[in-house]
């Protein structure tokens, strides 16, 4: 058997992929074609199995910076992929402590008040594949199979996962962090001196007052238990506060906030929050003047909330279908698990479209 070309990207392969290729009609005629440079059908099968291994590994490594849920939110995979649903409790701390005497028997009870919520676990899926002609062309040209097919399959699943993380899927009873049916509180921005509430038309001092206002509301409602450390903004607002300077300080609004705010230590952007991001922002609209960009403030802590991902993107072994090799892809998601909904706050109207 001819040695595998050391210039090719992978020296490993999935045995299941190899068996699928061997059992198909894909290799018919290849081993007898001198231009293919295969000594046997087994040689050809190993070649393409190694190609698929490379394709799969490359697609796992691909990141999509425009999909921000995995970057900004806690992601957990605590649930078994075989689970059909998850029941979790949303908690509210109750009770108090008091000074006691020796041998006291009337100790006050500190407890948590939990409301059970059951959410389904749903599968996300797509596939990609290569025809016999694409395999022939790859071998004869000395080039790898097009990895963009696998990257596209991963992107589509990641895109849907990202959308569910932000807005959920009401038809499948999945909740997102911005879903209007969850228990995350909202904050109403007051109008500034110009008669409008959005930050692009407010003065730096008015913006600082808003940040103080919604933090004070969260702290007051939770009796100083919840303190946000992260603020996500629409990119249009993020750019504005990153470049607009405070009078007499020489510092941008963002820099001043990060240096002086007692709680918020991270300010970042998420295009999913823009006023026209209708797929991820329930307050958005494509109608001019109707959409509202939102700010999201929260404690970035998986004990407070997380996006449950029981099975991250997974590529099944190859399957032969006619003159194609198909690779089915799958993931499982349960949406946002909000253990402490009051650790988040949604601020609609931070921008307008």
C-alpha atoms as a PDB file:
ATOM      1  CA  UNK A   1       0.000   0.000   0.000  1.00  0.00           C
ATOM      2  CA  UNK A   2       1.264   3.490  -0.769  1.00  0.00           C
ATOM      3  CA  UNK A   3       2.174   5.619   2.177  1.00  0.00           C
ATOM      4  CA  UNK A   4      -0.228   8.383   3.159  1.00  0.00           C
ATOM      5  CA  UNK A   5       0.938  11.767   1.843  1.00  0.00           C
ATOM      6  CA  UNK A   6       2.719  13.567   4.744  1.00  0.00           C
ATOM      7  CA  UNK A   7       1.661  16.911   3.277  1.00  0.00           C
ATOM      8  CA  UNK A   8      -1.976  16.208   4.002  1.00  0.00           C
ATOM      9  CA  UNK A   9      -3.337  17.763   7.211  1.00  0.00           C
ATOM     10  CA  UNK A  10      -4.272  14.687   9.248  1.00  0.00           C
ATOM     11  CA  UNK A  11      -2.733  11.330  10.077  1.00  0.00           C
ATOM     12  CA  UNK A  12      -5.710  10.143  12.121  1.00  0.00           C
ATOM     13  CA  UNK A  13      -9.215   9.041  11.263  1.00  0.00           C
ATOM     14  CA  UNK A  14     -12.479   7.950  12.850  1.00  0.00           C
ATOM     15  CA  UNK A  15     -12.972   4.200  12.450  1.00  0.00           C
ATOM     16  CA  UNK A  16     -16.723   4.751  11.974  1.00  0.00           C
ATOM     17  CA  UNK A  17     -16.020   7.170   9.119  1.00  0.00           C
ATOM     18  CA  UNK A  18     -13.670   4.645   7.526  1.00  0.00           C
ATOM     19  CA  UNK A  19     -16.279   1.882   7.698  1.00  0.00           C
ATOM     20  CA  UNK A  20     -18.953   4.132   6.183  1.00  0.00           C
ATOM     21  CA  UNK A  21     -16.693   4.983   3.252  1.00  0.00           C
ATOM     22  CA  UNK A  22     -15.670   1.346   2.750  1.00  0.00           C
ATOM     23  CA  UNK A  23     -19.311   0.253   2.727  1.00  0.00           C
ATOM     24  CA  UNK A  24     -20.327   2.844   0.112  1.00  0.00           C
ATOM     25  CA  UNK A  25     -20.012   2.966  -3.652  1.00  0.00           C
ATOM     26  CA  UNK A  26     -17.929   6.122  -3.385  1.00  0.00           C
ATOM     27  CA  UNK A  27     -14.647   4.359  -4.055  1.00  0.00           C
ATOM     28  CA  UNK A  28     -15.798   2.406  -7.110  1.00  0.00           C
ATOM     29  CA  UNK A  29     -13.332   2.982  -9.900  1.00  0.00           C
ATOM     30  CA  UNK A  30     -10.948   5.141  -7.879  1.00  0.00           C
ATOM     31  CA  UNK A  31      -8.420   2.474  -7.002  1.00  0.00           C
ATOM     32  CA  UNK A  32      -8.034   1.507 -10.663  1.00  0.00           C
ATOM     33  CA  UNK A  33      -7.521   5.090 -11.823  1.00  0.00           C
ATOM     34  CA  UNK A  34      -3.791   5.726 -12.138  1.00  0.00           C
ATOM     35  CA  UNK A  35      -4.284   9.470 -11.771  1.00  0.00           C
ATOM     36  CA  UNK A  36      -5.765   8.910  -8.301  1.00  0.00           C
ATOM     37  CA  UNK A  37      -2.542   7.259  -7.083  1.00  0.00           C
ATOM     38  CA  UNK A  38      -4.266   4.713  -4.849  1.00  0.00           C
ATOM     39  CA  UNK A  39      -2.779   1.244  -4.499  1.00  0.00           C
ATOM     40  CA  UNK A  40      -6.055  -0.219  -3.189  1.00  0.00           C
ATOM     41  CA  UNK A  41      -9.572   0.544  -2.080  1.00  0.00           C
ATOM     42  CA  UNK A  42      -8.385   0.494   1.505  1.00  0.00           C
ATOM     43  CA  UNK A  43      -5.769   3.129   0.693  1.00  0.00           C
ATOM     44  CA  UNK A  44      -8.477   5.332  -0.827  1.00  0.00           C
ATOM     45  CA  UNK A  45     -10.823   4.827   2.118  1.00  0.00           C
ATOM     46  CA  UNK A  46      -8.128   5.781   4.630  1.00  0.00           C
ATOM     47  CA  UNK A  47      -7.277   8.867   2.597  1.00  0.00           C
ATOM     48  CA  UNK A  48     -10.829  10.197   2.693  1.00  0.00           C
ATOM     49  CA  UNK A  49     -11.394   9.166   6.318  1.00  0.00           C
ATOM     50  CA  UNK A  50      -8.350  11.235   7.242  1.00  0.00           C
ATOM     51  CA  UNK A  51      -9.700  14.121   5.193  1.00  0.00           C
ATOM     52  CA  UNK A  52     -12.971  14.000   7.151  1.00  0.00           C
ATOM     53  CA  UNK A  53     -11.057  13.915  10.431  1.00  0.00           C
ATOM     54  CA  UNK A  54      -9.263  17.098   9.444  1.00  0.00           C
ATOM     55  CA  UNK A  55     -12.504  18.757   8.331  1.00  0.00           C
ATOM     56  CA  UNK A  56     -14.206  17.940  11.629  1.00  0.00           C
ATOM     57  CA  UNK A  57     -11.350  19.149  13.802  1.00  0.00           C
ATOM     58  CA  UNK A  58     -11.054  22.412  11.882  1.00  0.00           C
ATOM     59  CA  UNK A  59     -14.754  23.162  12.237  1.00  0.00           C
ATOM     60  CA  UNK A  60     -14.628  22.594  16.006  1.00  0.00           C
ATOM     61  CA  UNK A  61     -11.904  25.234  16.235  1.00  0.00           C
ATOM     62  CA  UNK A  62     -13.842  27.864  14.298  1.00  0.00           C
ATOM     63  CA  UNK A  63     -15.146  30.792  16.346  1.00  0.00           C
ATOM     64  CA  UNK A  64     -17.701  33.358  15.276  1.00  0.00           C
ATOM     65  CA  UNK A  65     -17.117  36.668  17.078  1.00  0.00           C
ATOM     66  CA  UNK A  66     -20.448  38.120  15.964  1.00  0.00           C
ATOM     67  CA  UNK A  67     -22.290  35.469  18.007  1.00  0.00           C
ATOM     68  CA  UNK A  68     -21.765  36.769  21.511  1.00  0.00           C
ATOM     69  CA  UNK A  69     -23.821  34.580  23.875  1.00  0.00           C
ATOM     70  CA  UNK A  70     -20.974  32.112  24.446  1.00  0.00           C
ATOM     71  CA  UNK A  71     -18.606  34.998  25.115  1.00  0.00           C
ATOM     72  CA  UNK A  72     -20.759  37.051  27.467  1.00  0.00           C
ATOM     73  CA  UNK A  73     -23.000  34.574  29.319  1.00  0.00           C
ATOM     74  CA  UNK A  74     -22.091  31.692  31.640  1.00  0.00           C
ATOM     75  CA  UNK A  75     -22.439  28.454  29.642  1.00  0.00           C
ATOM     76  CA  UNK A  76     -23.037  25.174  31.482  1.00  0.00           C
ATOM     77  CA  UNK A  77     -23.384  21.564  30.363  1.00  0.00           C
ATOM     78  CA  UNK A  78     -24.613  19.995  33.595  1.00  0.00           C
ATOM     79  CA  UNK A  79     -27.565  18.159  32.079  1.00  0.00           C
ATOM     80  CA  UNK A  80     -27.146  14.743  30.490  1.00  0.00           C
ATOM     81  CA  UNK A  81     -27.604  14.908  26.703  1.00  0.00           C
ATOM     82  CA  UNK A  82     -30.245  12.184  27.020  1.00  0.00           C
ATOM     83  CA  UNK A  83     -32.497  14.334  29.216  1.00  0.00           C
ATOM     84  CA  UNK A  84     -35.779  15.508  27.719  1.00  0.00           C
ATOM     85  CA  UNK A  85     -36.375  18.271  30.283  1.00  0.00           C
ATOM     86  CA  UNK A  86     -34.803  20.155  33.193  1.00  0.00           C
ATOM     87  CA  UNK A  87     -36.504  21.271  36.393  1.00  0.00           C
ATOM     88  CA  UNK A  88     -34.753  24.057  38.262  1.00  0.00           C
ATOM     89  CA  UNK A  89     -35.697  26.447  41.055  1.00  0.00           C
ATOM     90  CA  UNK A  90     -35.668  30.238  40.924  1.00  0.00           C
ATOM     91  CA  UNK A  91     -34.791  31.482  44.390  1.00  0.00           C
ATOM     92  CA  UNK A  92     -35.614  34.427  46.579  1.00  0.00           C
ATOM     93  CA  UNK A  93     -33.730  34.682  49.879  1.00  0.00           C
ATOM     94  CA  UNK A  94     -36.078  34.928  52.891  1.00  0.00           C
ATOM     95  CA  UNK A  95     -35.710  34.936  56.655  1.00  0.00           C
ATOM     96  CA  UNK A  96     -33.500  36.839  59.086  1.00  0.00           C
ATOM     97  CA  UNK A  97     -31.014  36.345  61.893  1.00  0.00           C
ATOM     98  CA  UNK A  98     -31.098  37.800  65.411  1.00  0.00           C
ATOM     99  CA  UNK A  99     -28.992  37.994  68.553  1.00  0.00           C
ATOM    100  CA  UNK A 100     -29.654  34.939  70.706  1.00  0.00           C
ATOM    101  CA  UNK A 101     -29.070  33.870  74.291  1.00  0.00           C
ATOM    102  CA  UNK A 102     -27.185  30.782  75.384  1.00  0.00           C
ATOM    103  CA  UNK A 103     -29.147  27.558  74.845  1.00  0.00           C
ATOM    104  CA  UNK A 104     -31.768  29.385  72.793  1.00  0.00           C
ATOM    105  CA  UNK A 105     -34.302  27.112  71.097  1.00  0.00           C
ATOM    106  CA  UNK A 106     -36.219  29.698  69.081  1.00  0.00           C
ATOM    107  CA  UNK A 107     -33.615  30.258  66.373  1.00  0.00           C
ATOM    108  CA  UNK A 108     -35.109  32.107  63.405  1.00  0.00           C
ATOM    109  CA  UNK A 109     -35.245  30.128  60.189  1.00  0.00           C
ATOM    110  CA  UNK A 110     -33.212  31.399  57.239  1.00  0.00           C
ATOM    111  CA  UNK A 111     -34.307  29.717  54.062  1.00  0.00           C
ATOM    112  CA  UNK A 112     -34.775  30.146  50.355  1.00  0.00           C
ATOM    113  CA  UNK A 113     -38.079  30.395  48.612  1.00  0.00           C
ATOM    114  CA  UNK A 114     -37.926  28.454  45.392  1.00  0.00           C
ATOM    115  CA  UNK A 115     -40.328  28.334  42.479  1.00  0.00           C
ATOM    116  CA  UNK A 116     -39.867  25.260  40.254  1.00  0.00           C
ATOM    117  CA  UNK A 117     -39.620  25.704  36.517  1.00  0.00           C
ATOM    118  CA  UNK A 118     -39.470  22.859  34.017  1.00  0.00           C
ATOM    119  CA  UNK A 119     -38.056  23.507  30.568  1.00  0.00           C
ATOM    120  CA  UNK A 120     -37.589  21.089  27.672  1.00  0.00           C
ATOM    121  CA  UNK A 121     -34.241  20.129  26.200  1.00  0.00           C
ATOM    122  CA  UNK A 122     -34.333  20.492  22.433  1.00  0.00           C
ATOM    123  CA  UNK A 123     -32.089  19.183  19.693  1.00  0.00           C
ATOM    124  CA  UNK A 124     -30.550  21.380  17.006  1.00  0.00           C
ATOM    125  CA  UNK A 125     -29.359  19.732  13.836  1.00  0.00           C
ATOM    126  CA  UNK A 126     -28.111  20.064  10.279  1.00  0.00           C
ATOM    127  CA  UNK A 127     -25.602  18.282   8.029  1.00  0.00           C
ATOM    128  CA  UNK A 128     -23.008  18.681   5.324  1.00  0.00           C
ATOM    129  CA  UNK A 129     -21.467  16.309   2.806  1.00  0.00           C
ATOM    130  CA  UNK A 130     -19.153  15.637  -0.099  1.00  0.00           C
ATOM    131  CA  UNK A 131     -19.907  14.046  -3.437  1.00  0.00           C
ATOM    132  CA  UNK A 132     -17.753  11.461  -5.153  1.00  0.00           C
ATOM    133  CA  UNK A 133     -16.694  14.112  -7.679  1.00  0.00           C
ATOM    134  CA  UNK A 134     -15.541  16.445  -4.898  1.00  0.00           C
ATOM    135  CA  UNK A 135     -13.464  13.611  -3.462  1.00  0.00           C
ATOM    136  CA  UNK A 136     -11.956  12.840  -6.872  1.00  0.00           C
ATOM    137  CA  UNK A 137     -11.161  16.509  -7.455  1.00  0.00           C
ATOM    138  CA  UNK A 138      -9.592  16.827  -4.009  1.00  0.00           C
ATOM    139  CA  UNK A 139      -7.267  13.887  -4.581  1.00  0.00           C
ATOM    140  CA  UNK A 140      -6.286  14.796  -8.133  1.00  0.00           C
ATOM    141  CA  UNK A 141      -5.654  18.472  -7.311  1.00  0.00           C
ATOM    142  CA  UNK A 142      -3.735  17.604  -4.150  1.00  0.00           C
ATOM    143  CA  UNK A 143      -5.998  19.836  -2.068  1.00  0.00           C
ATOM    144  CA  UNK A 144      -8.031  19.173   1.049  1.00  0.00           C
ATOM    145  CA  UNK A 145     -11.793  18.945   0.901  1.00  0.00           C
ATOM    146  CA  UNK A 146     -13.525  22.283   1.383  1.00  0.00           C
ATOM    147  CA  UNK A 147     -13.654  22.876   5.147  1.00  0.00           C
ATOM    148  CA  UNK A 148     -16.156  25.699   4.673  1.00  0.00           C
ATOM    149  CA  UNK A 149     -19.006  23.206   4.421  1.00  0.00           C
ATOM    150  CA  UNK A 150     -18.355  21.962   7.948  1.00  0.00           C
ATOM    151  CA  UNK A 151     -17.828  25.505   9.223  1.00  0.00           C
ATOM    152  CA  UNK A 152     -21.168  26.523   7.718  1.00  0.00           C
ATOM    153  CA  UNK A 153     -22.917  23.605   9.439  1.00  0.00           C
ATOM    154  CA  UNK A 154     -21.405  24.620  12.775  1.00  0.00           C
ATOM    155  CA  UNK A 155     -22.270  28.267  12.212  1.00  0.00           C
ATOM    156  CA  UNK A 156     -25.940  27.513  11.593  1.00  0.00           C
ATOM    157  CA  UNK A 157     -26.218  25.543  14.844  1.00  0.00           C
ATOM    158  CA  UNK A 158     -24.246  28.158  16.789  1.00  0.00           C
ATOM    159  CA  UNK A 159     -26.437  30.889  15.285  1.00  0.00           C
ATOM    160  CA  UNK A 160     -29.611  29.205  16.493  1.00  0.00           C
ATOM    161  CA  UNK A 161     -28.064  28.522  19.911  1.00  0.00           C
ATOM    162  CA  UNK A 162     -27.116  32.204  20.172  1.00  0.00           C
ATOM    163  CA  UNK A 163     -30.616  33.317  19.201  1.00  0.00           C
ATOM    164  CA  UNK A 164     -32.208  31.047  21.821  1.00  0.00           C
ATOM    165  CA  UNK A 165     -29.789  32.322  24.483  1.00  0.00           C
ATOM    166  CA  UNK A 166     -31.005  35.889  23.922  1.00  0.00           C
ATOM    167  CA  UNK A 167     -34.690  35.589  23.035  1.00  0.00           C
ATOM    168  CA  UNK A 168     -35.608  31.955  23.622  1.00  0.00           C
ATOM    169  CA  UNK A 169     -38.107  30.055  21.488  1.00  0.00           C
ATOM    170  CA  UNK A 170     -41.690  30.409  22.689  1.00  0.00           C
ATOM    171  CA  UNK A 171     -42.995  27.687  20.373  1.00  0.00           C
ATOM    172  CA  UNK A 172     -40.660  25.185  22.048  1.00  0.00           C
ATOM    173  CA  UNK A 173     -40.985  26.720  25.544  1.00  0.00           C
ATOM    174  CA  UNK A 174     -37.340  27.771  25.693  1.00  0.00           C
ATOM    175  CA  UNK A 175     -36.477  30.963  27.600  1.00  0.00           C
ATOM    176  CA  UNK A 176     -33.787  33.529  26.757  1.00  0.00           C
ATOM    177  CA  UNK A 177     -32.284  36.246  28.937  1.00  0.00           C
ATOM    178  CA  UNK A 178     -34.364  38.892  27.119  1.00  0.00           C
ATOM    179  CA  UNK A 179     -37.606  36.897  26.877  1.00  0.00           C
ATOM    180  CA  UNK A 180     -40.558  39.025  27.938  1.00  0.00           C
ATOM    181  CA  UNK A 181     -42.022  36.008  29.748  1.00  0.00           C
ATOM    182  CA  UNK A 182     -39.120  35.480  32.149  1.00  0.00           C
ATOM    183  CA  UNK A 183     -38.877  37.080  35.596  1.00  0.00           C
ATOM    184  CA  UNK A 184     -35.973  39.417  34.829  1.00  0.00           C
ATOM    185  CA  UNK A 185     -36.973  42.967  35.890  1.00  0.00           C
ATOM    186  CA  UNK A 186     -36.829  45.971  33.574  1.00  0.00           C
ATOM    187  CA  UNK A 187     -35.770  49.538  34.305  1.00  0.00           C
ATOM    188  CA  UNK A 188     -37.520  52.549  32.804  1.00  0.00           C
ATOM    189  CA  UNK A 189     -35.063  55.203  31.696  1.00  0.00           C
ATOM    190  CA  UNK A 190     -36.097  58.767  32.560  1.00  0.00           C
ATOM    191  CA  UNK A 191     -36.044  61.444  29.889  1.00  0.00           C
ATOM    192  CA  UNK A 192     -33.052  63.762  29.849  1.00  0.00           C
ATOM    193  CA  UNK A 193     -33.069  67.532  29.499  1.00  0.00           C
ATOM    194  CA  UNK A 194     -33.603  67.080  25.755  1.00  0.00           C
ATOM    195  CA  UNK A 195     -36.898  65.298  26.371  1.00  0.00           C
ATOM    196  CA  UNK A 196     -35.726  61.839  25.278  1.00  0.00           C
ATOM    197  CA  UNK A 197     -34.378  58.828  27.172  1.00  0.00           C
ATOM    198  CA  UNK A 198     -31.846  57.243  24.807  1.00  0.00           C
ATOM    199  CA  UNK A 199     -28.161  57.718  25.596  1.00  0.00           C
ATOM    200  CA  UNK A 200     -27.145  59.091  22.212  1.00  0.00           C
ATOM    201  CA  UNK A 201     -29.175  62.219  23.032  1.00  0.00           C
ATOM    202  CA  UNK A 202     -28.246  62.497  26.711  1.00  0.00           C
ATOM    203  CA  UNK A 203     -25.366  64.346  28.293  1.00  0.00           C
ATOM    204  CA  UNK A 204     -22.520  62.382  29.916  1.00  0.00           C
ATOM    205  CA  UNK A 205     -23.799  63.353  33.362  1.00  0.00           C
ATOM    206  CA  UNK A 206     -27.283  62.095  32.507  1.00  0.00           C
ATOM    207  CA  UNK A 207     -25.821  58.780  31.342  1.00  0.00           C
ATOM    208  CA  UNK A 208     -23.883  58.431  34.598  1.00  0.00           C
ATOM    209  CA  UNK A 209     -27.096  59.162  36.508  1.00  0.00           C
ATOM    210  CA  UNK A 210     -28.901  56.399  34.581  1.00  0.00           C
ATOM    211  CA  UNK A 211     -26.177  53.862  35.415  1.00  0.00           C
ATOM    212  CA  UNK A 212     -26.435  54.840  39.066  1.00  0.00           C
ATOM    213  CA  UNK A 213     -30.220  54.615  38.872  1.00  0.00           C
ATOM    214  CA  UNK A 214     -30.564  51.087  37.559  1.00  0.00           C
ATOM    215  CA  UNK A 215     -27.854  49.778  39.857  1.00  0.00           C
ATOM    216  CA  UNK A 216     -29.572  51.360  42.854  1.00  0.00           C
ATOM    217  CA  UNK A 217     -32.871  49.768  41.826  1.00  0.00           C
ATOM    218  CA  UNK A 218     -31.308  46.284  41.649  1.00  0.00           C
ATOM    219  CA  UNK A 219     -29.584  46.731  44.995  1.00  0.00           C
ATOM    220  CA  UNK A 220     -32.738  48.100  46.652  1.00  0.00           C
ATOM    221  CA  UNK A 221     -35.071  45.393  45.327  1.00  0.00           C
ATOM    222  CA  UNK A 222     -32.723  42.593  46.406  1.00  0.00           C
ATOM    223  CA  UNK A 223     -31.784  44.174  49.775  1.00  0.00           C
ATOM    224  CA  UNK A 224     -28.182  44.638  48.652  1.00  0.00           C
ATOM    225  CA  UNK A 225     -27.815  40.938  47.744  1.00  0.00           C
ATOM    226  CA  UNK A 226     -27.446  41.296  43.979  1.00  0.00           C
ATOM    227  CA  UNK A 227     -24.686  43.512  42.630  1.00  0.00           C
ATOM    228  CA  UNK A 228     -24.131  43.546  38.854  1.00  0.00           C
ATOM    229  CA  UNK A 229     -20.597  43.305  37.524  1.00  0.00           C
ATOM    230  CA  UNK A 230     -21.290  43.341  33.757  1.00  0.00           C
ATOM    231  CA  UNK A 231     -23.082  45.735  31.419  1.00  0.00           C
ATOM    232  CA  UNK A 232     -23.791  44.812  27.788  1.00  0.00           C
ATOM    233  CA  UNK A 233     -24.725  47.547  25.324  1.00  0.00           C
ATOM    234  CA  UNK A 234     -25.713  47.823  21.668  1.00  0.00           C
ATOM    235  CA  UNK A 235     -22.576  48.555  19.593  1.00  0.00           C
ATOM    236  CA  UNK A 236     -23.885  52.002  18.622  1.00  0.00           C
ATOM    237  CA  UNK A 237     -24.099  52.966  22.284  1.00  0.00           C
ATOM    238  CA  UNK A 238     -20.860  51.202  23.207  1.00  0.00           C
ATOM    239  CA  UNK A 239     -18.944  53.174  20.555  1.00  0.00           C
ATOM    240  CA  UNK A 240     -20.502  56.427  21.734  1.00  0.00           C
ATOM    241  CA  UNK A 241     -19.608  56.055  25.416  1.00  0.00           C
ATOM    242  CA  UNK A 242     -16.145  54.764  24.466  1.00  0.00           C
ATOM    243  CA  UNK A 243     -15.350  57.919  22.490  1.00  0.00           C
ATOM    244  CA  UNK A 244     -17.417  60.690  24.060  1.00  0.00           C
ATOM    245  CA  UNK A 245     -15.514  62.488  26.793  1.00  0.00           C
ATOM    246  CA  UNK A 246     -16.652  63.813  30.114  1.00  0.00           C
ATOM    247  CA  UNK A 247     -16.233  67.562  30.555  1.00  0.00           C
ATOM    248  CA  UNK A 248     -13.034  68.554  32.405  1.00  0.00           C
ATOM    249  CA  UNK A 249     -11.837  64.955  32.859  1.00  0.00           C
ATOM    250  CA  UNK A 250     -10.331  64.037  29.497  1.00  0.00           C
ATOM    251  CA  UNK A 251     -11.736  60.544  29.995  1.00  0.00           C
ATOM    252  CA  UNK A 252     -14.404  58.751  28.013  1.00  0.00           C
ATOM    253  CA  UNK A 253     -17.693  57.889  29.694  1.00  0.00           C
ATOM    254  CA  UNK A 254     -16.766  54.206  29.573  1.00  0.00           C
ATOM    255  CA  UNK A 255     -13.338  54.752  31.154  1.00  0.00           C
ATOM    256  CA  UNK A 256     -14.815  56.924  33.884  1.00  0.00           C
ATOM    257  CA  UNK A 257     -17.472  54.325  34.678  1.00  0.00           C
ATOM    258  CA  UNK A 258     -14.980  51.470  34.890  1.00  0.00           C
ATOM    259  CA  UNK A 259     -12.665  53.465  37.121  1.00  0.00           C
ATOM    260  CA  UNK A 260     -15.302  54.831  39.464  1.00  0.00           C
ATOM    261  CA  UNK A 261     -18.276  52.480  39.475  1.00  0.00           C
ATOM    262  CA  UNK A 262     -18.374  50.353  42.646  1.00  0.00           C
ATOM    263  CA  UNK A 263     -19.905  47.267  40.990  1.00  0.00           C
ATOM    264  CA  UNK A 264     -19.695  47.165  37.190  1.00  0.00           C
ATOM    265  CA  UNK A 265     -16.221  46.077  36.102  1.00  0.00           C
ATOM    266  CA  UNK A 266     -16.959  44.937  32.541  1.00  0.00           C
ATOM    267  CA  UNK A 267     -18.654  46.969  29.810  1.00  0.00           C
ATOM    268  CA  UNK A 268     -18.952  45.266  26.434  1.00  0.00           C
ATOM    269  CA  UNK A 269     -21.016  45.268  23.266  1.00  0.00           C
ATOM    270  CA  UNK A 270     -23.483  42.812  21.778  1.00  0.00           C
ATOM    271  CA  UNK A 271     -25.081  43.453  18.368  1.00  0.00           C
ATOM    272  CA  UNK A 272     -27.995  41.272  19.484  1.00  0.00           C
ATOM    273  CA  UNK A 273     -29.132  44.217  21.645  1.00  0.00           C
ATOM    274  CA  UNK A 274     -29.471  46.789  18.866  1.00  0.00           C
ATOM    275  CA  UNK A 275     -32.796  48.489  18.170  1.00  0.00           C
ATOM    276  CA  UNK A 276     -33.134  46.723  14.809  1.00  0.00           C
ATOM    277  CA  UNK A 277     -31.938  43.255  15.942  1.00  0.00           C
ATOM    278  CA  UNK A 278     -35.401  41.742  15.577  1.00  0.00           C
ATOM    279  CA  UNK A 279     -34.206  38.112  15.803  1.00  0.00           C
ATOM    280  CA  UNK A 280     -32.638  38.510  19.253  1.00  0.00           C
ATOM    281  CA  UNK A 281     -34.153  41.619  20.859  1.00  0.00           C
ATOM    282  CA  UNK A 282     -37.889  41.518  21.647  1.00  0.00           C
ATOM    283  CA  UNK A 283     -37.925  45.333  21.933  1.00  0.00           C
ATOM    284  CA  UNK A 284     -36.476  45.797  18.440  1.00  0.00           C
ATOM    285  CA  UNK A 285     -38.263  46.802  15.250  1.00  0.00           C
ATOM    286  CA  UNK A 286     -37.314  47.540  11.664  1.00  0.00           C
ATOM    287  CA  UNK A 287     -39.750  50.444  11.610  1.00  0.00           C
ATOM    288  CA  UNK A 288     -37.791  53.699  12.033  1.00  0.00           C
ATOM    289  CA  UNK A 289     -38.325  55.185  15.465  1.00  0.00           C
ATOM    290  CA  UNK A 290     -40.115  52.121  16.856  1.00  0.00           C
ATOM    291  CA  UNK A 291     -37.266  49.846  17.872  1.00  0.00           C
ATOM    292  CA  UNK A 292     -35.562  50.067  21.242  1.00  0.00           C
ATOM    293  CA  UNK A 293     -32.001  48.986  21.888  1.00  0.00           C
ATOM    294  CA  UNK A 294     -31.513  47.511  25.330  1.00  0.00           C
ATOM    295  CA  UNK A 295     -28.787  47.419  27.934  1.00  0.00           C
ATOM    296  CA  UNK A 296     -28.396  44.250  29.970  1.00  0.00           C
ATOM    297  CA  UNK A 297     -26.767  44.348  33.384  1.00  0.00           C
ATOM    298  CA  UNK A 298     -26.067  41.216  35.373  1.00  0.00           C
ATOM    299  CA  UNK A 299     -23.788  39.273  37.646  1.00  0.00           C
ATOM    300  CA  UNK A 300     -21.716  36.984  35.438  1.00  0.00           C
ATOM    301  CA  UNK A 301     -21.913  33.937  37.657  1.00  0.00           C
ATOM    302  CA  UNK A 302     -23.235  30.461  36.695  1.00  0.00           C
ATOM    303  CA  UNK A 303     -24.764  30.204  40.180  1.00  0.00           C
ATOM    304  CA  UNK A 304     -27.030  33.139  39.212  1.00  0.00           C
ATOM    305  CA  UNK A 305     -27.955  32.128  35.658  1.00  0.00           C
ATOM    306  CA  UNK A 306     -26.536  30.174  32.758  1.00  0.00           C
ATOM    307  CA  UNK A 307     -27.259  29.066  29.225  1.00  0.00           C
ATOM    308  CA  UNK A 308     -27.617  25.301  29.476  1.00  0.00           C
ATOM    309  CA  UNK A 309     -25.954  23.400  26.634  1.00  0.00           C
ATOM    310  CA  UNK A 310     -26.307  19.663  27.429  1.00  0.00           C
ATOM    311  CA  UNK A 311     -24.539  18.665  24.234  1.00  0.00           C
ATOM    312  CA  UNK A 312     -22.328  21.153  22.371  1.00  0.00           C
ATOM    313  CA  UNK A 313     -21.911  20.915  18.600  1.00  0.00           C
ATOM    314  CA  UNK A 314     -21.247  17.295  17.693  1.00  0.00           C
ATOM    315  CA  UNK A 315     -20.502  15.681  14.324  1.00  0.00           C
ATOM    316  CA  UNK A 316     -21.739  12.131  13.944  1.00  0.00           C
ATOM    317  CA  UNK A 317     -19.853   9.499  11.946  1.00  0.00           C
ATOM    318  CA  UNK A 318     -20.195   9.758   8.199  1.00  0.00           C
ATOM    319  CA  UNK A 319     -23.127   8.153   6.406  1.00  0.00           C
ATOM    320  CA  UNK A 320     -23.109   7.023   2.783  1.00  0.00           C
ATOM    321  CA  UNK A 321     -26.063   8.134   0.677  1.00  0.00           C
ATOM    322  CA  UNK A 322     -25.924   7.491  -3.042  1.00  0.00           C
ATOM    323  CA  UNK A 323     -22.799   9.142  -4.366  1.00  0.00           C
ATOM    324  CA  UNK A 324     -22.331  11.312  -1.301  1.00  0.00           C
ATOM    325  CA  UNK A 325     -20.842  11.060   2.159  1.00  0.00           C
ATOM    326  CA  UNK A 326     -23.095  12.930   4.634  1.00  0.00           C
ATOM    327  CA  UNK A 327     -22.005  14.080   8.106  1.00  0.00           C
ATOM    328  CA  UNK A 328     -25.013  14.731  10.408  1.00  0.00           C
ATOM    329  CA  UNK A 329     -24.443  17.427  13.044  1.00  0.00           C
ATOM    330  CA  UNK A 330     -26.267  17.930  16.311  1.00  0.00           C
ATOM    331  CA  UNK A 331     -26.420  19.949  19.526  1.00  0.00           C
ATOM    332  CA  UNK A 332     -28.852  20.139  22.440  1.00  0.00           C
ATOM    333  CA  UNK A 333     -29.984  23.235  24.275  1.00  0.00           C
ATOM    334  CA  UNK A 334     -32.313  24.162  27.129  1.00  0.00           C
ATOM    335  CA  UNK A 335     -32.074  27.962  26.898  1.00  0.00           C
ATOM    336  CA  UNK A 336     -31.512  30.298  29.842  1.00  0.00           C
ATOM    337  CA  UNK A 337     -31.673  28.809  33.340  1.00  0.00           C
ATOM    338  CA  UNK A 338     -32.463  31.721  35.668  1.00  0.00           C
ATOM    339  CA  UNK A 339     -31.747  30.624  39.225  1.00  0.00           C
ATOM    340  CA  UNK A 340     -31.800  34.208  40.506  1.00  0.00           C
ATOM    341  CA  UNK A 341     -33.714  36.351  37.979  1.00  0.00           C
ATOM    342  CA  UNK A 342     -33.175  39.474  40.066  1.00  0.00           C
ATOM    343  CA  UNK A 343     -29.434  39.232  39.421  1.00  0.00           C
ATOM    344  CA  UNK A 344     -30.182  40.562  35.914  1.00  0.00           C
ATOM    345  CA  UNK A 345     -31.896  43.716  34.687  1.00  0.00           C
ATOM    346  CA  UNK A 346     -33.073  44.749  31.229  1.00  0.00           C
ATOM    347  CA  UNK A 347     -32.958  48.450  30.313  1.00  0.00           C
ATOM    348  CA  UNK A 348     -35.046  49.101  27.163  1.00  0.00           C
ATOM    349  CA  UNK A 349     -34.711  52.373  25.256  1.00  0.00           C
ATOM    350  CA  UNK A 350     -30.950  52.813  25.645  1.00  0.00           C
ATOM    351  CA  UNK A 351     -30.980  53.523  21.895  1.00  0.00           C
ATOM    352  CA  UNK A 352     -33.526  54.012  19.113  1.00  0.00           C
ATOM    353  CA  UNK A 353     -33.456  52.951  15.479  1.00  0.00           C
END
